[in-house]
Protein backbone atom coordinates (compact mmCIF):
# COMPACT_ATOMS: atom_id res chain seq x y z
CA UNK A 1 65.17 112.13 106.31
CA UNK A 2 68.75 111.82 107.62
CA UNK A 3 71.24 112.48 104.87
CA UNK A 4 73.35 109.54 103.79
CA UNK A 5 77.14 109.88 103.89
CA UNK A 6 77.72 106.79 101.74
CA UNK A 7 77.52 106.24 98.01
CA UNK A 8 78.57 103.06 96.25
CA UNK A 9 77.79 103.88 92.61
CA UNK A 10 80.33 106.01 90.71
CA UNK A 11 82.86 105.41 87.98
CA UNK A 12 86.58 105.88 88.60
CA UNK A 13 88.70 106.69 85.56
CA UNK A 14 92.52 106.86 85.60
CA UNK A 15 94.50 108.85 83.05
CA UNK A 16 98.12 108.71 81.89
CA UNK A 17 98.46 110.83 78.74
CA UNK A 18 101.91 111.86 77.54
CA UNK A 19 103.65 113.70 74.74
CA UNK A 20 104.60 110.49 72.96
CA UNK A 21 103.13 110.30 69.42
CA UNK A 22 100.84 107.38 70.23
CA UNK A 23 99.28 109.40 73.09
CA UNK A 24 98.79 112.70 71.25
CA UNK A 25 95.03 112.33 70.74
CA UNK A 26 94.42 111.28 74.33
CA UNK A 27 96.50 114.18 75.63
CA UNK A 28 94.42 116.71 73.67
CA UNK A 29 91.15 115.22 74.95
CA UNK A 30 92.26 115.07 78.59
CA UNK A 31 93.63 118.59 78.45
CA UNK A 32 90.31 119.87 77.10
CA UNK A 33 88.43 118.02 79.85
CA UNK A 34 90.62 119.64 82.52
CA UNK A 35 89.95 123.09 81.06
CA UNK A 36 86.18 122.47 81.01
CA UNK A 37 86.01 121.10 84.55
CA UNK A 38 88.22 123.92 85.87
CA UNK A 39 85.72 126.44 84.47
CA UNK A 40 82.77 124.73 86.20
CA UNK A 41 84.62 124.41 89.50
CA UNK A 42 84.69 120.61 89.48
CA UNK A 43 88.48 120.90 89.31
CA UNK A 44 90.37 123.48 91.36
CA UNK A 45 94.00 124.30 90.69
CA UNK A 46 96.44 124.27 93.60
CA UNK A 47 97.52 127.93 93.95
CA UNK A 48 101.29 127.55 93.51
CA UNK A 49 102.47 125.66 90.42
CA UNK A 50 106.03 124.30 90.54
CA UNK A 51 108.65 125.31 87.97
CA UNK A 52 111.33 122.64 87.59
CA UNK A 53 115.01 122.74 86.62
CA UNK A 54 114.32 122.64 82.88
CA UNK A 55 111.66 125.36 82.99
CA UNK A 56 108.58 123.15 82.84
CA UNK A 57 105.50 124.20 84.85
CA UNK A 58 103.74 121.56 86.96
CA UNK A 59 100.13 122.15 88.01
CA UNK A 60 97.79 120.09 90.13
CA UNK A 61 93.99 120.17 89.95
CA UNK A 62 91.91 118.82 92.86
CA UNK A 63 88.52 117.26 92.11
CA UNK A 64 85.59 118.78 94.02
CA UNK A 65 81.99 117.70 94.41
CA UNK A 66 79.64 120.50 95.51
CA UNK A 67 82.66 122.39 96.77
CA UNK A 68 83.99 119.48 98.87
CA UNK A 69 87.34 117.93 97.83
CA UNK A 70 87.43 114.28 96.78
CA UNK A 71 90.39 112.83 98.65
CA UNK A 72 93.25 111.90 96.30
CA UNK A 73 91.35 112.64 93.08
CA UNK A 74 92.68 115.10 90.53
CA UNK A 75 95.27 115.70 87.83
CA UNK A 76 98.99 116.45 87.72
CA UNK A 77 99.70 118.39 84.50
CA UNK A 78 103.07 119.31 82.98
CA UNK A 79 103.31 122.28 80.58
CA UNK A 80 106.08 123.67 78.39
CA UNK A 81 105.66 127.18 76.97
CA UNK A 82 101.91 126.94 77.46
CA UNK A 83 101.60 123.52 75.81
CA UNK A 84 100.57 120.47 77.79
CA UNK A 85 103.25 117.75 77.82
CA UNK A 86 101.74 115.15 80.14
CA UNK A 87 98.76 114.51 82.41
CA UNK A 88 98.47 111.90 85.17
CA UNK A 89 95.57 111.40 87.56
CA UNK A 90 92.11 110.08 88.19
CA UNK A 91 88.57 111.41 88.58
CA UNK A 92 85.37 109.87 89.88
CA UNK A 93 82.34 110.41 87.66
CA UNK A 94 78.74 110.20 88.83
CA UNK A 95 79.25 111.12 92.48
CA UNK A 96 75.83 111.83 94.00
CA UNK A 97 76.44 112.52 97.67
CA UNK A 98 74.94 114.98 100.14
CA UNK A 99 77.82 117.19 101.30
CA UNK A 100 76.25 118.82 104.37
CA UNK A 101 77.63 116.97 107.41
CA UNK A 102 75.40 115.74 110.20
CA UNK A 103 78.18 116.35 112.74
CA UNK A 104 79.47 119.91 113.14
CA UNK A 105 83.23 120.34 113.14
CA UNK A 106 83.56 120.71 116.93
CA UNK A 107 81.54 117.55 117.58
CA UNK A 108 83.56 115.74 114.91
CA UNK A 109 86.81 116.70 116.65
CA UNK A 110 85.52 115.32 119.95
CA UNK A 111 84.57 112.08 118.22
CA UNK A 112 87.98 111.88 116.52
CA UNK A 113 89.60 112.11 119.95
CA UNK A 114 87.51 109.15 121.10
CA UNK A 115 88.42 107.10 118.04
CA UNK A 116 92.14 107.91 118.27
CA UNK A 117 92.40 107.73 122.03
CA UNK A 118 94.51 110.88 121.75
CA UNK A 119 94.14 114.59 121.26
CA UNK A 120 94.55 116.54 118.02
CA UNK A 121 98.06 117.13 116.67
CA UNK A 122 97.27 120.71 115.61
CA UNK A 123 94.92 123.52 116.57
CA UNK A 124 93.06 123.31 113.25
CA UNK A 125 89.49 122.07 112.96
CA UNK A 126 88.85 118.78 111.13
CA UNK A 127 88.74 118.75 107.34
CA UNK A 128 85.57 117.83 105.47
CA UNK A 129 86.12 115.64 102.42
CA UNK A 130 84.77 112.81 100.30
CA UNK A 131 86.83 109.67 100.85
CA UNK A 132 86.91 106.92 98.21
CA UNK A 133 87.28 103.65 100.12
CA UNK A 134 89.15 100.55 98.90
CA UNK A 135 85.72 98.96 98.29
CA UNK A 136 84.81 101.56 95.68
CA UNK A 137 82.45 103.48 97.96
CA UNK A 138 82.40 107.22 98.63
CA UNK A 139 81.97 108.50 102.18
CA UNK A 140 81.57 112.06 103.45
CA UNK A 141 84.16 112.26 106.21
CA UNK A 142 85.75 114.50 108.79
CA UNK A 143 89.49 113.94 109.23
CA UNK A 144 92.30 115.29 111.37
CA UNK A 145 95.85 114.35 112.37
CA UNK A 146 95.90 113.15 115.97
CA UNK A 147 98.67 112.77 118.53
CA UNK A 148 98.71 108.99 118.06
CA UNK A 149 100.64 109.83 114.88
CA UNK A 150 97.77 108.99 112.57
CA UNK A 151 95.18 110.93 110.58
CA UNK A 152 91.76 109.47 111.34
CA UNK A 153 88.67 109.65 109.11
CA UNK A 154 85.16 109.33 110.52
CA UNK A 155 81.74 109.30 108.87
CA UNK A 156 80.55 112.93 108.83
CA UNK A 157 77.06 111.85 109.93
CA UNK A 158 77.38 108.84 112.22
CA UNK A 159 80.89 109.42 113.54
CA UNK A 160 81.85 105.81 112.76
CA UNK A 161 85.53 105.19 111.97
CA UNK A 162 86.12 104.82 108.23
CA UNK A 163 89.88 104.95 107.66
CA UNK A 164 93.17 105.92 109.26
CA UNK A 165 96.48 106.94 107.72
CA UNK A 166 99.82 106.50 109.49
CA UNK A 167 102.28 109.38 109.58
CA UNK A 168 105.14 106.96 110.34
CA UNK A 169 106.98 105.55 107.35
CA UNK A 170 108.95 102.76 108.99
CA UNK A 171 112.47 101.49 108.10
CA UNK A 172 129.72 126.03 111.94
CA UNK A 173 132.87 124.03 112.33
CA UNK A 174 134.08 120.71 110.97
CA UNK A 175 135.01 118.02 113.51
CA UNK A 176 135.90 114.35 113.19
CA UNK A 177 134.81 111.12 114.82
CA UNK A 178 134.46 107.40 114.26
CA UNK A 179 131.29 106.21 112.54
CA UNK A 180 129.54 102.87 112.85
CA UNK A 181 132.24 101.09 110.82
CA UNK A 182 135.12 102.67 112.71
CA UNK A 183 136.13 104.81 109.74
CA UNK A 184 136.63 108.54 110.41
CA UNK A 185 133.84 110.77 109.13
CA UNK A 186 133.50 114.52 108.91
CA UNK A 187 130.97 115.99 111.31
CA UNK A 188 129.68 119.47 110.44
CA UNK A 189 129.11 121.06 113.83
CA UNK A 190 128.29 124.35 115.51
CA UNK A 191 130.52 125.73 118.26
CA UNK A 192 128.61 127.37 121.08
CA UNK A 193 129.23 128.05 124.78
CA UNK A 194 132.30 125.86 125.09
CA UNK A 195 130.95 122.79 123.27
CA UNK A 196 130.28 121.54 119.77
CA UNK A 197 126.81 120.55 118.60
CA UNK A 198 125.66 118.23 115.82
CA UNK A 199 123.97 121.20 114.18
CA UNK A 200 125.17 121.82 110.63
CA UNK A 201 124.83 125.50 109.71
CA UNK A 202 127.33 125.34 106.85
CA UNK A 203 124.89 123.93 104.31
CA UNK A 204 121.97 126.07 103.10
CA UNK A 205 119.56 123.81 104.99
CA UNK A 206 120.38 123.49 108.69
CA UNK A 207 120.79 119.82 109.58
CA UNK A 208 120.15 119.03 113.25
CA UNK A 209 120.90 115.61 114.75
CA UNK A 210 119.31 114.83 118.12
CA UNK A 211 120.45 112.10 120.52
CA UNK A 212 117.49 109.99 121.65
CA UNK A 213 119.45 108.19 124.34
CA UNK A 214 118.30 104.82 122.99
CA UNK A 215 114.87 105.44 124.52
CA UNK A 216 111.94 105.12 122.08
CA UNK A 217 109.52 106.98 124.37
CA UNK A 218 112.00 109.85 124.61
CA UNK A 219 112.41 109.83 120.84
CA UNK A 220 108.66 110.13 120.32
CA UNK A 221 108.56 113.02 122.80
CA UNK A 222 111.34 114.73 120.84
CA UNK A 223 109.30 114.19 117.68
CA UNK A 224 106.43 116.28 119.05
CA UNK A 225 106.33 120.00 118.24
CA UNK A 226 107.98 122.10 120.92
CA UNK A 227 111.33 123.33 122.26
CA UNK A 228 112.47 120.01 123.82
CA UNK A 229 114.75 119.35 120.84
CA UNK A 230 117.07 122.21 121.86
CA UNK A 231 118.29 120.19 124.85
CA UNK A 232 118.76 116.99 122.81
CA UNK A 233 121.15 118.20 120.11
CA UNK A 234 124.25 115.97 120.15
CA UNK A 235 127.21 117.57 121.96
CA UNK A 236 130.95 117.04 122.33
CA UNK A 237 133.46 119.08 124.32
CA UNK A 238 136.44 119.04 121.98
CA UNK A 239 134.99 118.18 118.54
CA UNK A 240 136.68 114.75 118.65
CA UNK A 241 133.40 112.86 118.65
CA UNK A 242 133.12 109.43 120.29
CA UNK A 243 129.39 108.77 119.82
CA UNK A 244 129.19 106.65 116.63
CA UNK A 245 125.41 107.13 116.25
CA UNK A 246 125.71 110.91 116.20
CA UNK A 247 128.86 110.86 114.05
CA UNK A 248 127.56 108.54 111.33
CA UNK A 249 123.97 109.76 111.41
CA UNK A 250 124.94 113.43 111.17
CA UNK A 251 127.66 112.88 108.56
CA UNK A 252 125.44 110.69 106.38
CA UNK A 253 122.59 113.19 106.62
CA UNK A 254 124.95 115.79 105.21
CA UNK A 255 126.08 113.50 102.39
CA UNK A 256 122.45 112.78 101.46
CA UNK A 257 121.73 116.51 101.36
CA UNK A 258 124.74 116.97 99.06
CA UNK A 259 123.60 114.15 96.76
CA UNK A 260 120.05 115.50 96.43
CA UNK A 261 121.31 118.99 95.63
CA UNK A 262 124.14 118.06 93.28
CA UNK A 263 122.30 115.33 91.36
CA UNK A 264 118.74 116.67 91.35
CA UNK A 265 118.86 120.32 92.41
CA UNK A 266 116.67 119.41 95.40
CA UNK A 267 117.33 121.37 98.57
CA UNK A 268 116.95 119.39 101.79
CA UNK A 269 113.77 117.60 102.72
CA UNK A 270 111.21 120.13 101.55
CA UNK A 271 113.09 121.39 98.48
CA UNK A 272 113.25 124.86 100.05
CA UNK A 273 116.20 124.37 102.43
CA UNK A 274 114.00 124.08 105.48
CA UNK A 275 115.64 122.81 108.67
CA UNK A 276 116.02 119.01 108.70
CA UNK A 277 115.76 117.08 111.97
CA UNK A 278 116.97 113.56 112.68
CA UNK A 279 117.01 111.51 115.88
CA UNK A 280 119.74 108.89 116.32
CA UNK A 281 119.76 106.22 119.05
CA UNK A 282 115.97 106.50 118.95
CA UNK A 283 115.55 103.13 120.65
CA UNK A 284 116.78 99.57 120.93
CA UNK A 285 115.16 98.41 117.71
CA UNK A 286 116.42 97.39 114.30
CA UNK A 287 114.58 99.95 112.24
CA UNK A 288 114.38 103.54 111.14
CA UNK A 289 111.39 105.69 110.29
CA UNK A 290 110.18 108.99 108.90
CA UNK A 291 107.46 110.78 110.85
CA UNK A 292 105.72 113.26 108.57
CA UNK A 293 104.25 116.69 109.24
CA UNK A 294 102.50 117.95 111.30
CA UNK A 295 104.85 116.02 113.61
CA UNK A 296 108.50 116.81 114.21
CA UNK A 297 110.12 119.44 116.47
CA UNK A 298 108.89 122.24 114.21
CA UNK A 299 105.93 120.42 112.59
CA UNK A 300 107.96 119.73 109.44
CA UNK A 301 108.63 116.02 109.98
CA UNK A 302 111.58 114.13 111.46
CA UNK A 303 113.61 111.02 110.62
CA UNK A 304 114.69 108.62 113.37
CA UNK A 305 117.08 105.69 113.60
CA UNK A 306 117.22 102.83 116.08
CA UNK A 307 120.08 100.63 117.21
CA UNK A 308 120.84 97.34 115.49
CA UNK A 309 122.02 94.18 117.33
CA UNK A 310 125.47 94.42 118.97
CA UNK A 311 124.78 98.11 119.62
CA UNK A 312 125.42 99.09 116.01
CA UNK A 313 123.60 102.37 115.21
CA UNK A 314 121.24 101.83 112.28
CA UNK A 315 122.50 104.91 110.43
CA UNK A 316 124.41 103.58 107.44
CA UNK A 317 124.45 105.88 104.40
CA UNK A 318 121.81 103.96 102.44
CA UNK A 319 119.48 103.83 105.46
CA UNK A 320 119.80 107.59 106.03
CA UNK A 321 119.22 108.20 102.32
CA UNK A 322 116.19 105.90 102.40
CA UNK A 323 114.51 107.76 105.25
CA UNK A 324 115.30 111.24 103.98
CA UNK A 325 113.79 110.27 100.62
CA UNK A 326 110.56 109.43 102.43
CA UNK A 327 110.62 113.03 103.59
CA UNK A 328 111.30 114.28 100.06
CA UNK A 329 108.46 112.18 98.64
CA UNK A 330 106.06 113.46 101.30
CA UNK A 331 107.11 117.11 101.06
CA UNK A 332 107.24 117.30 97.27
CA UNK A 333 103.75 115.85 96.83
CA UNK A 334 102.24 118.03 99.56
CA UNK A 335 103.77 121.17 98.06
CA UNK A 336 102.63 120.29 94.55
CA UNK A 337 99.23 118.68 95.18
CA UNK A 338 98.21 119.43 98.76
CA UNK A 339 98.36 115.73 99.67
CA UNK A 340 101.18 113.27 100.41
CA UNK A 341 101.91 110.24 98.24
CA UNK A 342 99.09 107.98 99.36
CA UNK A 343 98.63 104.27 99.74
CA UNK A 344 96.80 102.82 96.76
CA UNK A 345 94.96 99.73 97.96
CA UNK A 346 93.86 97.66 94.99
CA UNK A 347 92.59 94.10 94.81
CA UNK A 348 91.76 91.18 92.59
CA UNK A 349 89.37 88.34 93.33
CA UNK A 350 91.03 85.13 94.38
CA UNK A 351 89.55 81.68 95.07
CA UNK A 352 86.73 81.07 97.52
CA UNK A 353 89.20 79.20 99.75
CA UNK A 354 92.77 77.98 99.98
CA UNK A 355 94.84 75.90 102.35
CA UNK A 356 98.07 77.13 103.94
CA UNK A 357 100.14 75.24 106.51
CA UNK A 358 97.27 72.82 106.94
CA UNK A 359 94.76 75.59 107.70
CA UNK A 360 91.78 76.29 105.43
CA UNK A 361 91.06 79.98 104.73
CA UNK A 362 87.64 80.57 103.15
CA UNK A 363 84.84 83.01 102.62
CA UNK A 364 82.58 83.19 105.64
CA UNK A 365 85.45 82.71 108.11
CA UNK A 366 86.09 85.24 110.86
CA UNK A 367 89.44 86.75 111.74
CA UNK A 368 90.51 87.89 115.19
CA UNK A 369 93.08 90.61 115.81
CA UNK A 370 94.07 92.90 118.64
CA UNK A 371 92.27 96.22 118.86
CA UNK A 372 95.06 98.82 118.56
CA UNK A 373 92.97 101.37 120.48
CA UNK A 374 91.98 99.13 123.40
CA UNK A 375 92.47 95.89 125.30
CA UNK A 376 89.80 93.78 123.60
CA UNK A 377 90.24 91.62 120.54
CA UNK A 378 88.24 92.39 117.40
CA UNK A 379 86.55 89.70 115.33
CA UNK A 380 85.66 90.50 111.73
CA UNK A 381 84.71 88.50 108.62
CA UNK A 382 87.15 87.94 105.77
CA UNK A 383 86.20 90.22 102.87
CA UNK A 384 84.69 88.41 99.91
CA UNK A 385 82.68 89.47 96.88
CA UNK A 386 79.63 87.75 95.42
CA UNK A 387 78.89 87.08 91.74
CA UNK A 388 77.49 90.62 91.37
CA UNK A 389 80.72 92.20 92.59
CA UNK A 390 79.31 93.23 95.95
CA UNK A 391 80.89 92.57 99.37
CA UNK A 392 79.38 89.54 101.06
CA UNK A 393 79.65 87.96 104.50
CA UNK A 394 78.45 84.58 103.28
CA UNK A 395 80.62 81.59 102.44
CA UNK A 396 79.73 81.56 98.75
CA UNK A 397 81.86 84.38 97.33
CA UNK A 398 85.50 84.83 96.36
CA UNK A 399 88.24 86.20 98.63
CA UNK A 400 89.50 89.71 97.87
CA UNK A 401 93.32 89.80 97.60
CA UNK A 402 94.66 93.29 98.36
CA UNK A 403 98.03 95.01 98.12
CA UNK A 404 99.15 98.59 98.69
CA UNK A 405 100.66 99.67 95.36
CA UNK A 406 101.33 103.25 96.48
CA UNK A 407 103.11 102.09 99.62
CA UNK A 408 105.31 99.70 97.62
CA UNK A 409 106.23 102.48 95.17
CA UNK A 410 107.10 104.76 98.09
CA UNK A 411 109.43 102.15 99.61
CA UNK A 412 111.00 101.39 96.22
CA UNK A 413 111.86 105.06 95.76
CA UNK A 414 113.51 105.26 99.16
CA UNK A 415 115.57 102.14 98.39
CA UNK A 416 116.56 103.60 95.01
CA UNK A 417 117.78 106.87 96.50
CA UNK A 418 119.48 105.06 99.39
CA UNK A 419 121.54 103.02 96.91
CA UNK A 420 122.14 106.05 94.69
CA UNK A 421 123.63 108.03 97.58
CA UNK A 422 125.98 105.11 98.28
CA UNK A 423 127.17 105.06 94.66
CA UNK A 424 127.72 108.83 94.79
CA UNK A 425 130.17 108.63 97.71
CA UNK A 426 131.43 105.04 98.03
CA UNK A 427 133.37 102.99 95.48
CA UNK A 428 131.41 100.03 94.11
CA UNK A 429 132.09 96.58 95.49
CA UNK A 430 131.38 94.22 98.37
CA UNK A 431 132.07 94.87 102.04
CA UNK A 432 131.90 97.85 104.36
CA UNK A 433 131.68 101.32 102.86
CA UNK A 434 131.26 99.94 99.38
CA UNK A 435 128.38 100.88 97.09
CA UNK A 436 126.02 98.05 96.24
CA UNK A 437 122.34 97.28 95.77
CA UNK A 438 121.79 95.70 99.20
CA UNK A 439 119.90 97.43 101.99
CA UNK A 440 121.51 98.24 105.37
CA UNK A 441 124.56 95.99 104.97
CA UNK A 442 126.97 98.48 106.61
CA UNK A 443 124.92 98.15 109.80
CA UNK A 444 125.29 94.38 109.73
CA UNK A 445 121.81 93.80 108.35
CA UNK A 446 120.89 91.51 105.47
CA UNK A 447 117.93 93.19 103.82
CA UNK A 448 116.38 93.58 100.38
CA UNK A 449 118.55 93.36 97.26
CA UNK A 450 117.61 95.38 94.19
CA UNK A 451 120.01 93.47 91.97
CA UNK A 452 118.81 89.96 92.89
CA UNK A 453 115.52 90.21 94.79
CA UNK A 454 114.73 86.50 94.71
CA UNK A 455 118.02 85.70 96.49
CA UNK A 456 116.51 87.08 99.72
CA UNK A 457 113.79 84.88 101.16
CA UNK A 458 110.49 85.73 102.79
CA UNK A 459 109.69 82.37 104.27
CA UNK A 460 109.79 79.92 101.33
CA UNK A 461 109.42 82.72 98.73
CA UNK A 462 111.89 85.23 97.34
CA UNK A 463 111.24 88.93 96.87
CA UNK A 464 109.33 89.62 93.61
CA UNK A 465 111.05 90.69 90.39
CA UNK A 466 108.00 91.42 88.22
CA UNK A 467 104.31 92.16 88.25
CA UNK A 468 102.38 88.97 88.81
CA UNK A 469 104.82 87.97 91.56
CA UNK A 470 103.51 90.49 94.08
CA UNK A 471 102.34 89.45 97.54
CA UNK A 472 98.59 89.98 97.98
CA UNK A 473 96.71 89.70 101.24
CA UNK A 474 93.31 88.61 102.44
CA UNK A 475 91.66 91.40 104.44
CA UNK A 476 89.04 91.46 107.18
CA UNK A 477 86.06 93.82 106.89
CA UNK A 478 85.68 95.87 110.09
CA UNK A 479 82.27 97.49 110.38
CA UNK A 480 80.88 98.40 106.98
CA UNK A 481 83.88 99.99 105.27
CA UNK A 482 87.24 99.62 107.02
CA UNK A 483 89.66 96.87 106.11
CA UNK A 484 92.49 95.27 108.08
CA UNK A 485 95.25 93.30 106.36
CA UNK A 486 95.39 89.76 107.73
CA UNK A 487 98.29 87.36 107.93
CA UNK A 488 96.92 85.29 105.02
CA UNK A 489 97.57 85.85 101.36
CA UNK A 490 98.63 84.52 97.99
CA UNK A 491 101.53 85.13 95.64
CA UNK A 492 100.42 83.93 92.24
CA UNK A 493 98.85 80.58 93.05
CA UNK A 494 100.95 80.02 96.17
CA UNK A 495 99.27 80.75 99.51
CA UNK A 496 101.30 82.07 102.43
CA UNK A 497 100.84 82.93 106.07
CA UNK A 498 102.65 85.56 108.14
CA UNK A 499 103.05 85.73 111.89
CA UNK A 500 101.02 88.89 112.35
CA UNK A 501 98.40 91.17 110.86
CA UNK A 502 98.22 94.72 109.55
CA UNK A 503 101.10 94.51 107.09
CA UNK A 504 100.29 95.29 103.45
CA UNK A 505 103.54 94.07 101.88
CA UNK A 506 104.93 97.48 100.97
CA UNK A 507 108.59 96.54 101.52
CA UNK A 508 108.25 93.07 100.00
CA UNK A 509 106.60 94.34 96.82
CA UNK A 510 108.92 97.33 96.45
CA UNK A 511 111.53 95.26 94.60
CA UNK A 512 109.36 95.10 91.48
CA UNK A 513 110.18 98.76 90.78
CA UNK A 514 113.63 98.94 92.40
CA UNK A 515 114.76 95.92 90.33
CA UNK A 516 113.71 97.82 87.19
CA UNK A 517 115.90 100.70 88.33
CA UNK A 518 118.86 98.34 88.79
CA UNK A 519 118.35 96.83 85.32
CA UNK A 520 118.11 100.27 83.70
CA UNK A 521 121.51 101.15 85.16
CA UNK A 522 123.46 97.90 85.07
CA UNK A 523 121.61 95.93 82.40
CA UNK A 524 121.56 92.16 82.20
CA UNK A 525 119.00 89.40 81.93
CA UNK A 526 115.65 89.72 83.65
CA UNK A 527 115.09 86.10 84.62
CA UNK A 528 111.27 85.93 84.85
CA UNK A 529 110.71 87.47 81.40
CA UNK A 530 113.86 86.17 79.71
CA UNK A 531 114.53 89.66 78.35
CA UNK A 532 118.01 91.18 78.20
CA UNK A 533 118.28 94.85 79.07
CA UNK A 534 121.00 97.13 77.75
CA UNK A 535 121.66 99.31 80.80
CA UNK A 536 123.24 102.76 80.62
CA UNK A 537 126.23 101.57 82.67
CA UNK A 538 127.60 102.88 85.94
CA UNK A 539 129.23 105.92 84.30
CA UNK A 540 125.78 107.14 83.16
CA UNK A 541 123.73 106.09 86.18
CA UNK A 542 122.87 109.74 86.91
CA UNK A 543 120.57 109.74 83.86
CA UNK A 544 118.44 106.96 85.30
CA UNK A 545 118.49 108.42 88.81
CA UNK A 546 117.31 111.80 87.51
CA UNK A 547 114.46 110.30 85.48
CA UNK A 548 113.16 108.25 88.39
CA UNK A 549 113.46 111.22 90.78
CA UNK A 550 111.68 113.61 88.41
CA UNK A 551 108.75 111.25 87.96
CA UNK A 552 108.07 111.29 91.69
CA UNK A 553 108.66 114.93 92.67
CA UNK A 554 107.24 116.54 89.50
CA UNK A 555 104.82 114.30 87.63
CA UNK A 556 102.71 111.79 89.53
CA UNK A 557 99.49 112.48 91.46
CA UNK A 558 99.01 111.42 95.13
CA UNK A 559 97.17 108.24 94.12
CA UNK A 560 99.42 106.29 91.76
CA UNK A 561 99.54 102.67 90.65
CA UNK A 562 102.54 100.74 89.34
CA UNK A 563 101.16 101.09 85.83
CA UNK A 564 100.91 104.89 86.02
CA UNK A 565 104.32 105.10 87.71
CA UNK A 566 105.87 103.25 84.79
CA UNK A 567 104.39 105.71 82.30
CA UNK A 568 105.52 108.68 84.41
CA UNK A 569 109.11 107.42 84.62
CA UNK A 570 109.23 107.00 80.83
CA UNK A 571 107.87 110.53 80.40
CA UNK A 572 110.47 111.88 82.83
CA UNK A 573 113.21 110.14 80.82
CA UNK A 574 111.86 111.69 77.61
CA UNK A 575 111.68 115.13 79.26
CA UNK A 576 115.30 115.01 80.41
CA UNK A 577 117.10 112.93 77.81
CA UNK A 578 114.80 112.61 74.79
CA UNK A 579 112.61 109.71 73.68
CA UNK A 580 115.34 108.52 71.31
CA UNK A 581 118.11 108.49 73.89
CA UNK A 582 119.97 105.47 75.22
CA UNK A 583 118.74 106.37 78.72
CA UNK A 584 115.11 106.31 77.61
CA UNK A 585 115.64 102.98 75.84
CA UNK A 586 117.25 101.36 78.90
CA UNK A 587 114.53 102.62 81.22
CA UNK A 588 111.80 101.52 78.82
CA UNK A 589 113.32 98.05 78.45
CA UNK A 590 113.72 97.61 82.20
CA UNK A 591 110.18 98.74 83.02
CA UNK A 592 108.75 96.54 80.27
CA UNK A 593 110.65 93.52 81.55
CA UNK A 594 109.17 93.82 85.07
CA UNK A 595 105.68 94.30 83.65
CA UNK A 596 105.28 98.07 83.96
């Protein structure tokens, strides 16, 4: 009999146990469970625990089944002098899956190339693992990063595509030059062979800014491992720089490094002062992105910035801080847990149908979208569940409404650090080179606002300010297990329609958490809840920044929901400032107000 690579029956349990008095019993029980499962081999500790700035030890335990890792499952544990302080994570109980693959590794790699339409990104063989799907199933998979800038997962027996994960997270001497606002900025350069390069060797981490020539294809070529980057480092003959993209991008990269080190003791992107690469003038597009390892000139990741309308380089300080924080989030989680901070696709059951813009969306309907790997369109049914909680293709069930909680948290953190870097180096206020809670305003862009999310519109709706206001999406079921986000969804009881497909709302929903950060600092009334928060005030904003930062780089596991993130941020505040401190109280009030 051919072994099955799919199991649908197992129980997933999430844990968030802390040192707070009300959690003491749970913390003891979870700690004992970790010790027991580590002895039996069901949990395996990552070899190198992290020791943080206050001397706490942070360990991560990966869940295994018959020696095969369960993707994203495990525990992040904090200890102080041998005593457990907090535990966050999840395990899957009752997994009963054959772990011997039908496809050998070499055959799996060939199949992955077919699925990706591109070769492998590294020389390593594919990784065997058990993948929990958004539908609650468990699949034995082979996976590998491919040169299409995605990691693809295929069924380890049939070779069918199961899931894919993007690696792109989209949005010397001292010389001087004009930045994007026309203001002079310091450019830390390296003098070599009669010219000056945008290669900062003065800071402990070398910061290298490459000029993409406003050509996206060229930027992607520079983002591949290899020596091509050496010929693309920005240059100037006399150190009086005239290229605003290089000037502002390189200067703001240096300021972000300084902020991370001075405020959080974090060194560069990887925390170890590894070389940091950025590409400015990456293309004629209003966006910026982080491309994670194993991509980048030296396989360590790279950040890239496009050009806004009117030829304004999209390299304002908050944008640079936003993208570098994506790199910090990725690198810190990989170093601590072996995995990046992952998307957490959760759903609730909505109605069986709704009407939006005169169009009826209902169970049993099909959805057509463009095949990203070919020229043909793909038609797939909208995902619904029947009365027994099982996926159904009939018209009698209820629509599943998904959102990517992990992706929204990731974007919120990058917005938070982007604003924090601004406040560290710019005076507060409105206008150019002023610190505020808007996104990208120095590049002439009107983006998200952490202080007043609802003031920025997404169609007829404002950005959310609390749980319950999040944007959720109908998804199409491709094959037996893969899902694609459609352009249909609901926010509360209000249906909406977008112009495209594939977007999971990560930027839109990020303001739930970033608004809590704003309230914890500045205080004020949270309109949806009617609660008034006593913020720490601008003079003490570092306390809130440090608590939020610690929760991400030290405490949370790769798979994290908004609920667990809220508990982790409170624990981080207690670790740093004490559970009775004004900082803890402000953070607790703000998180409570937004529903976390």
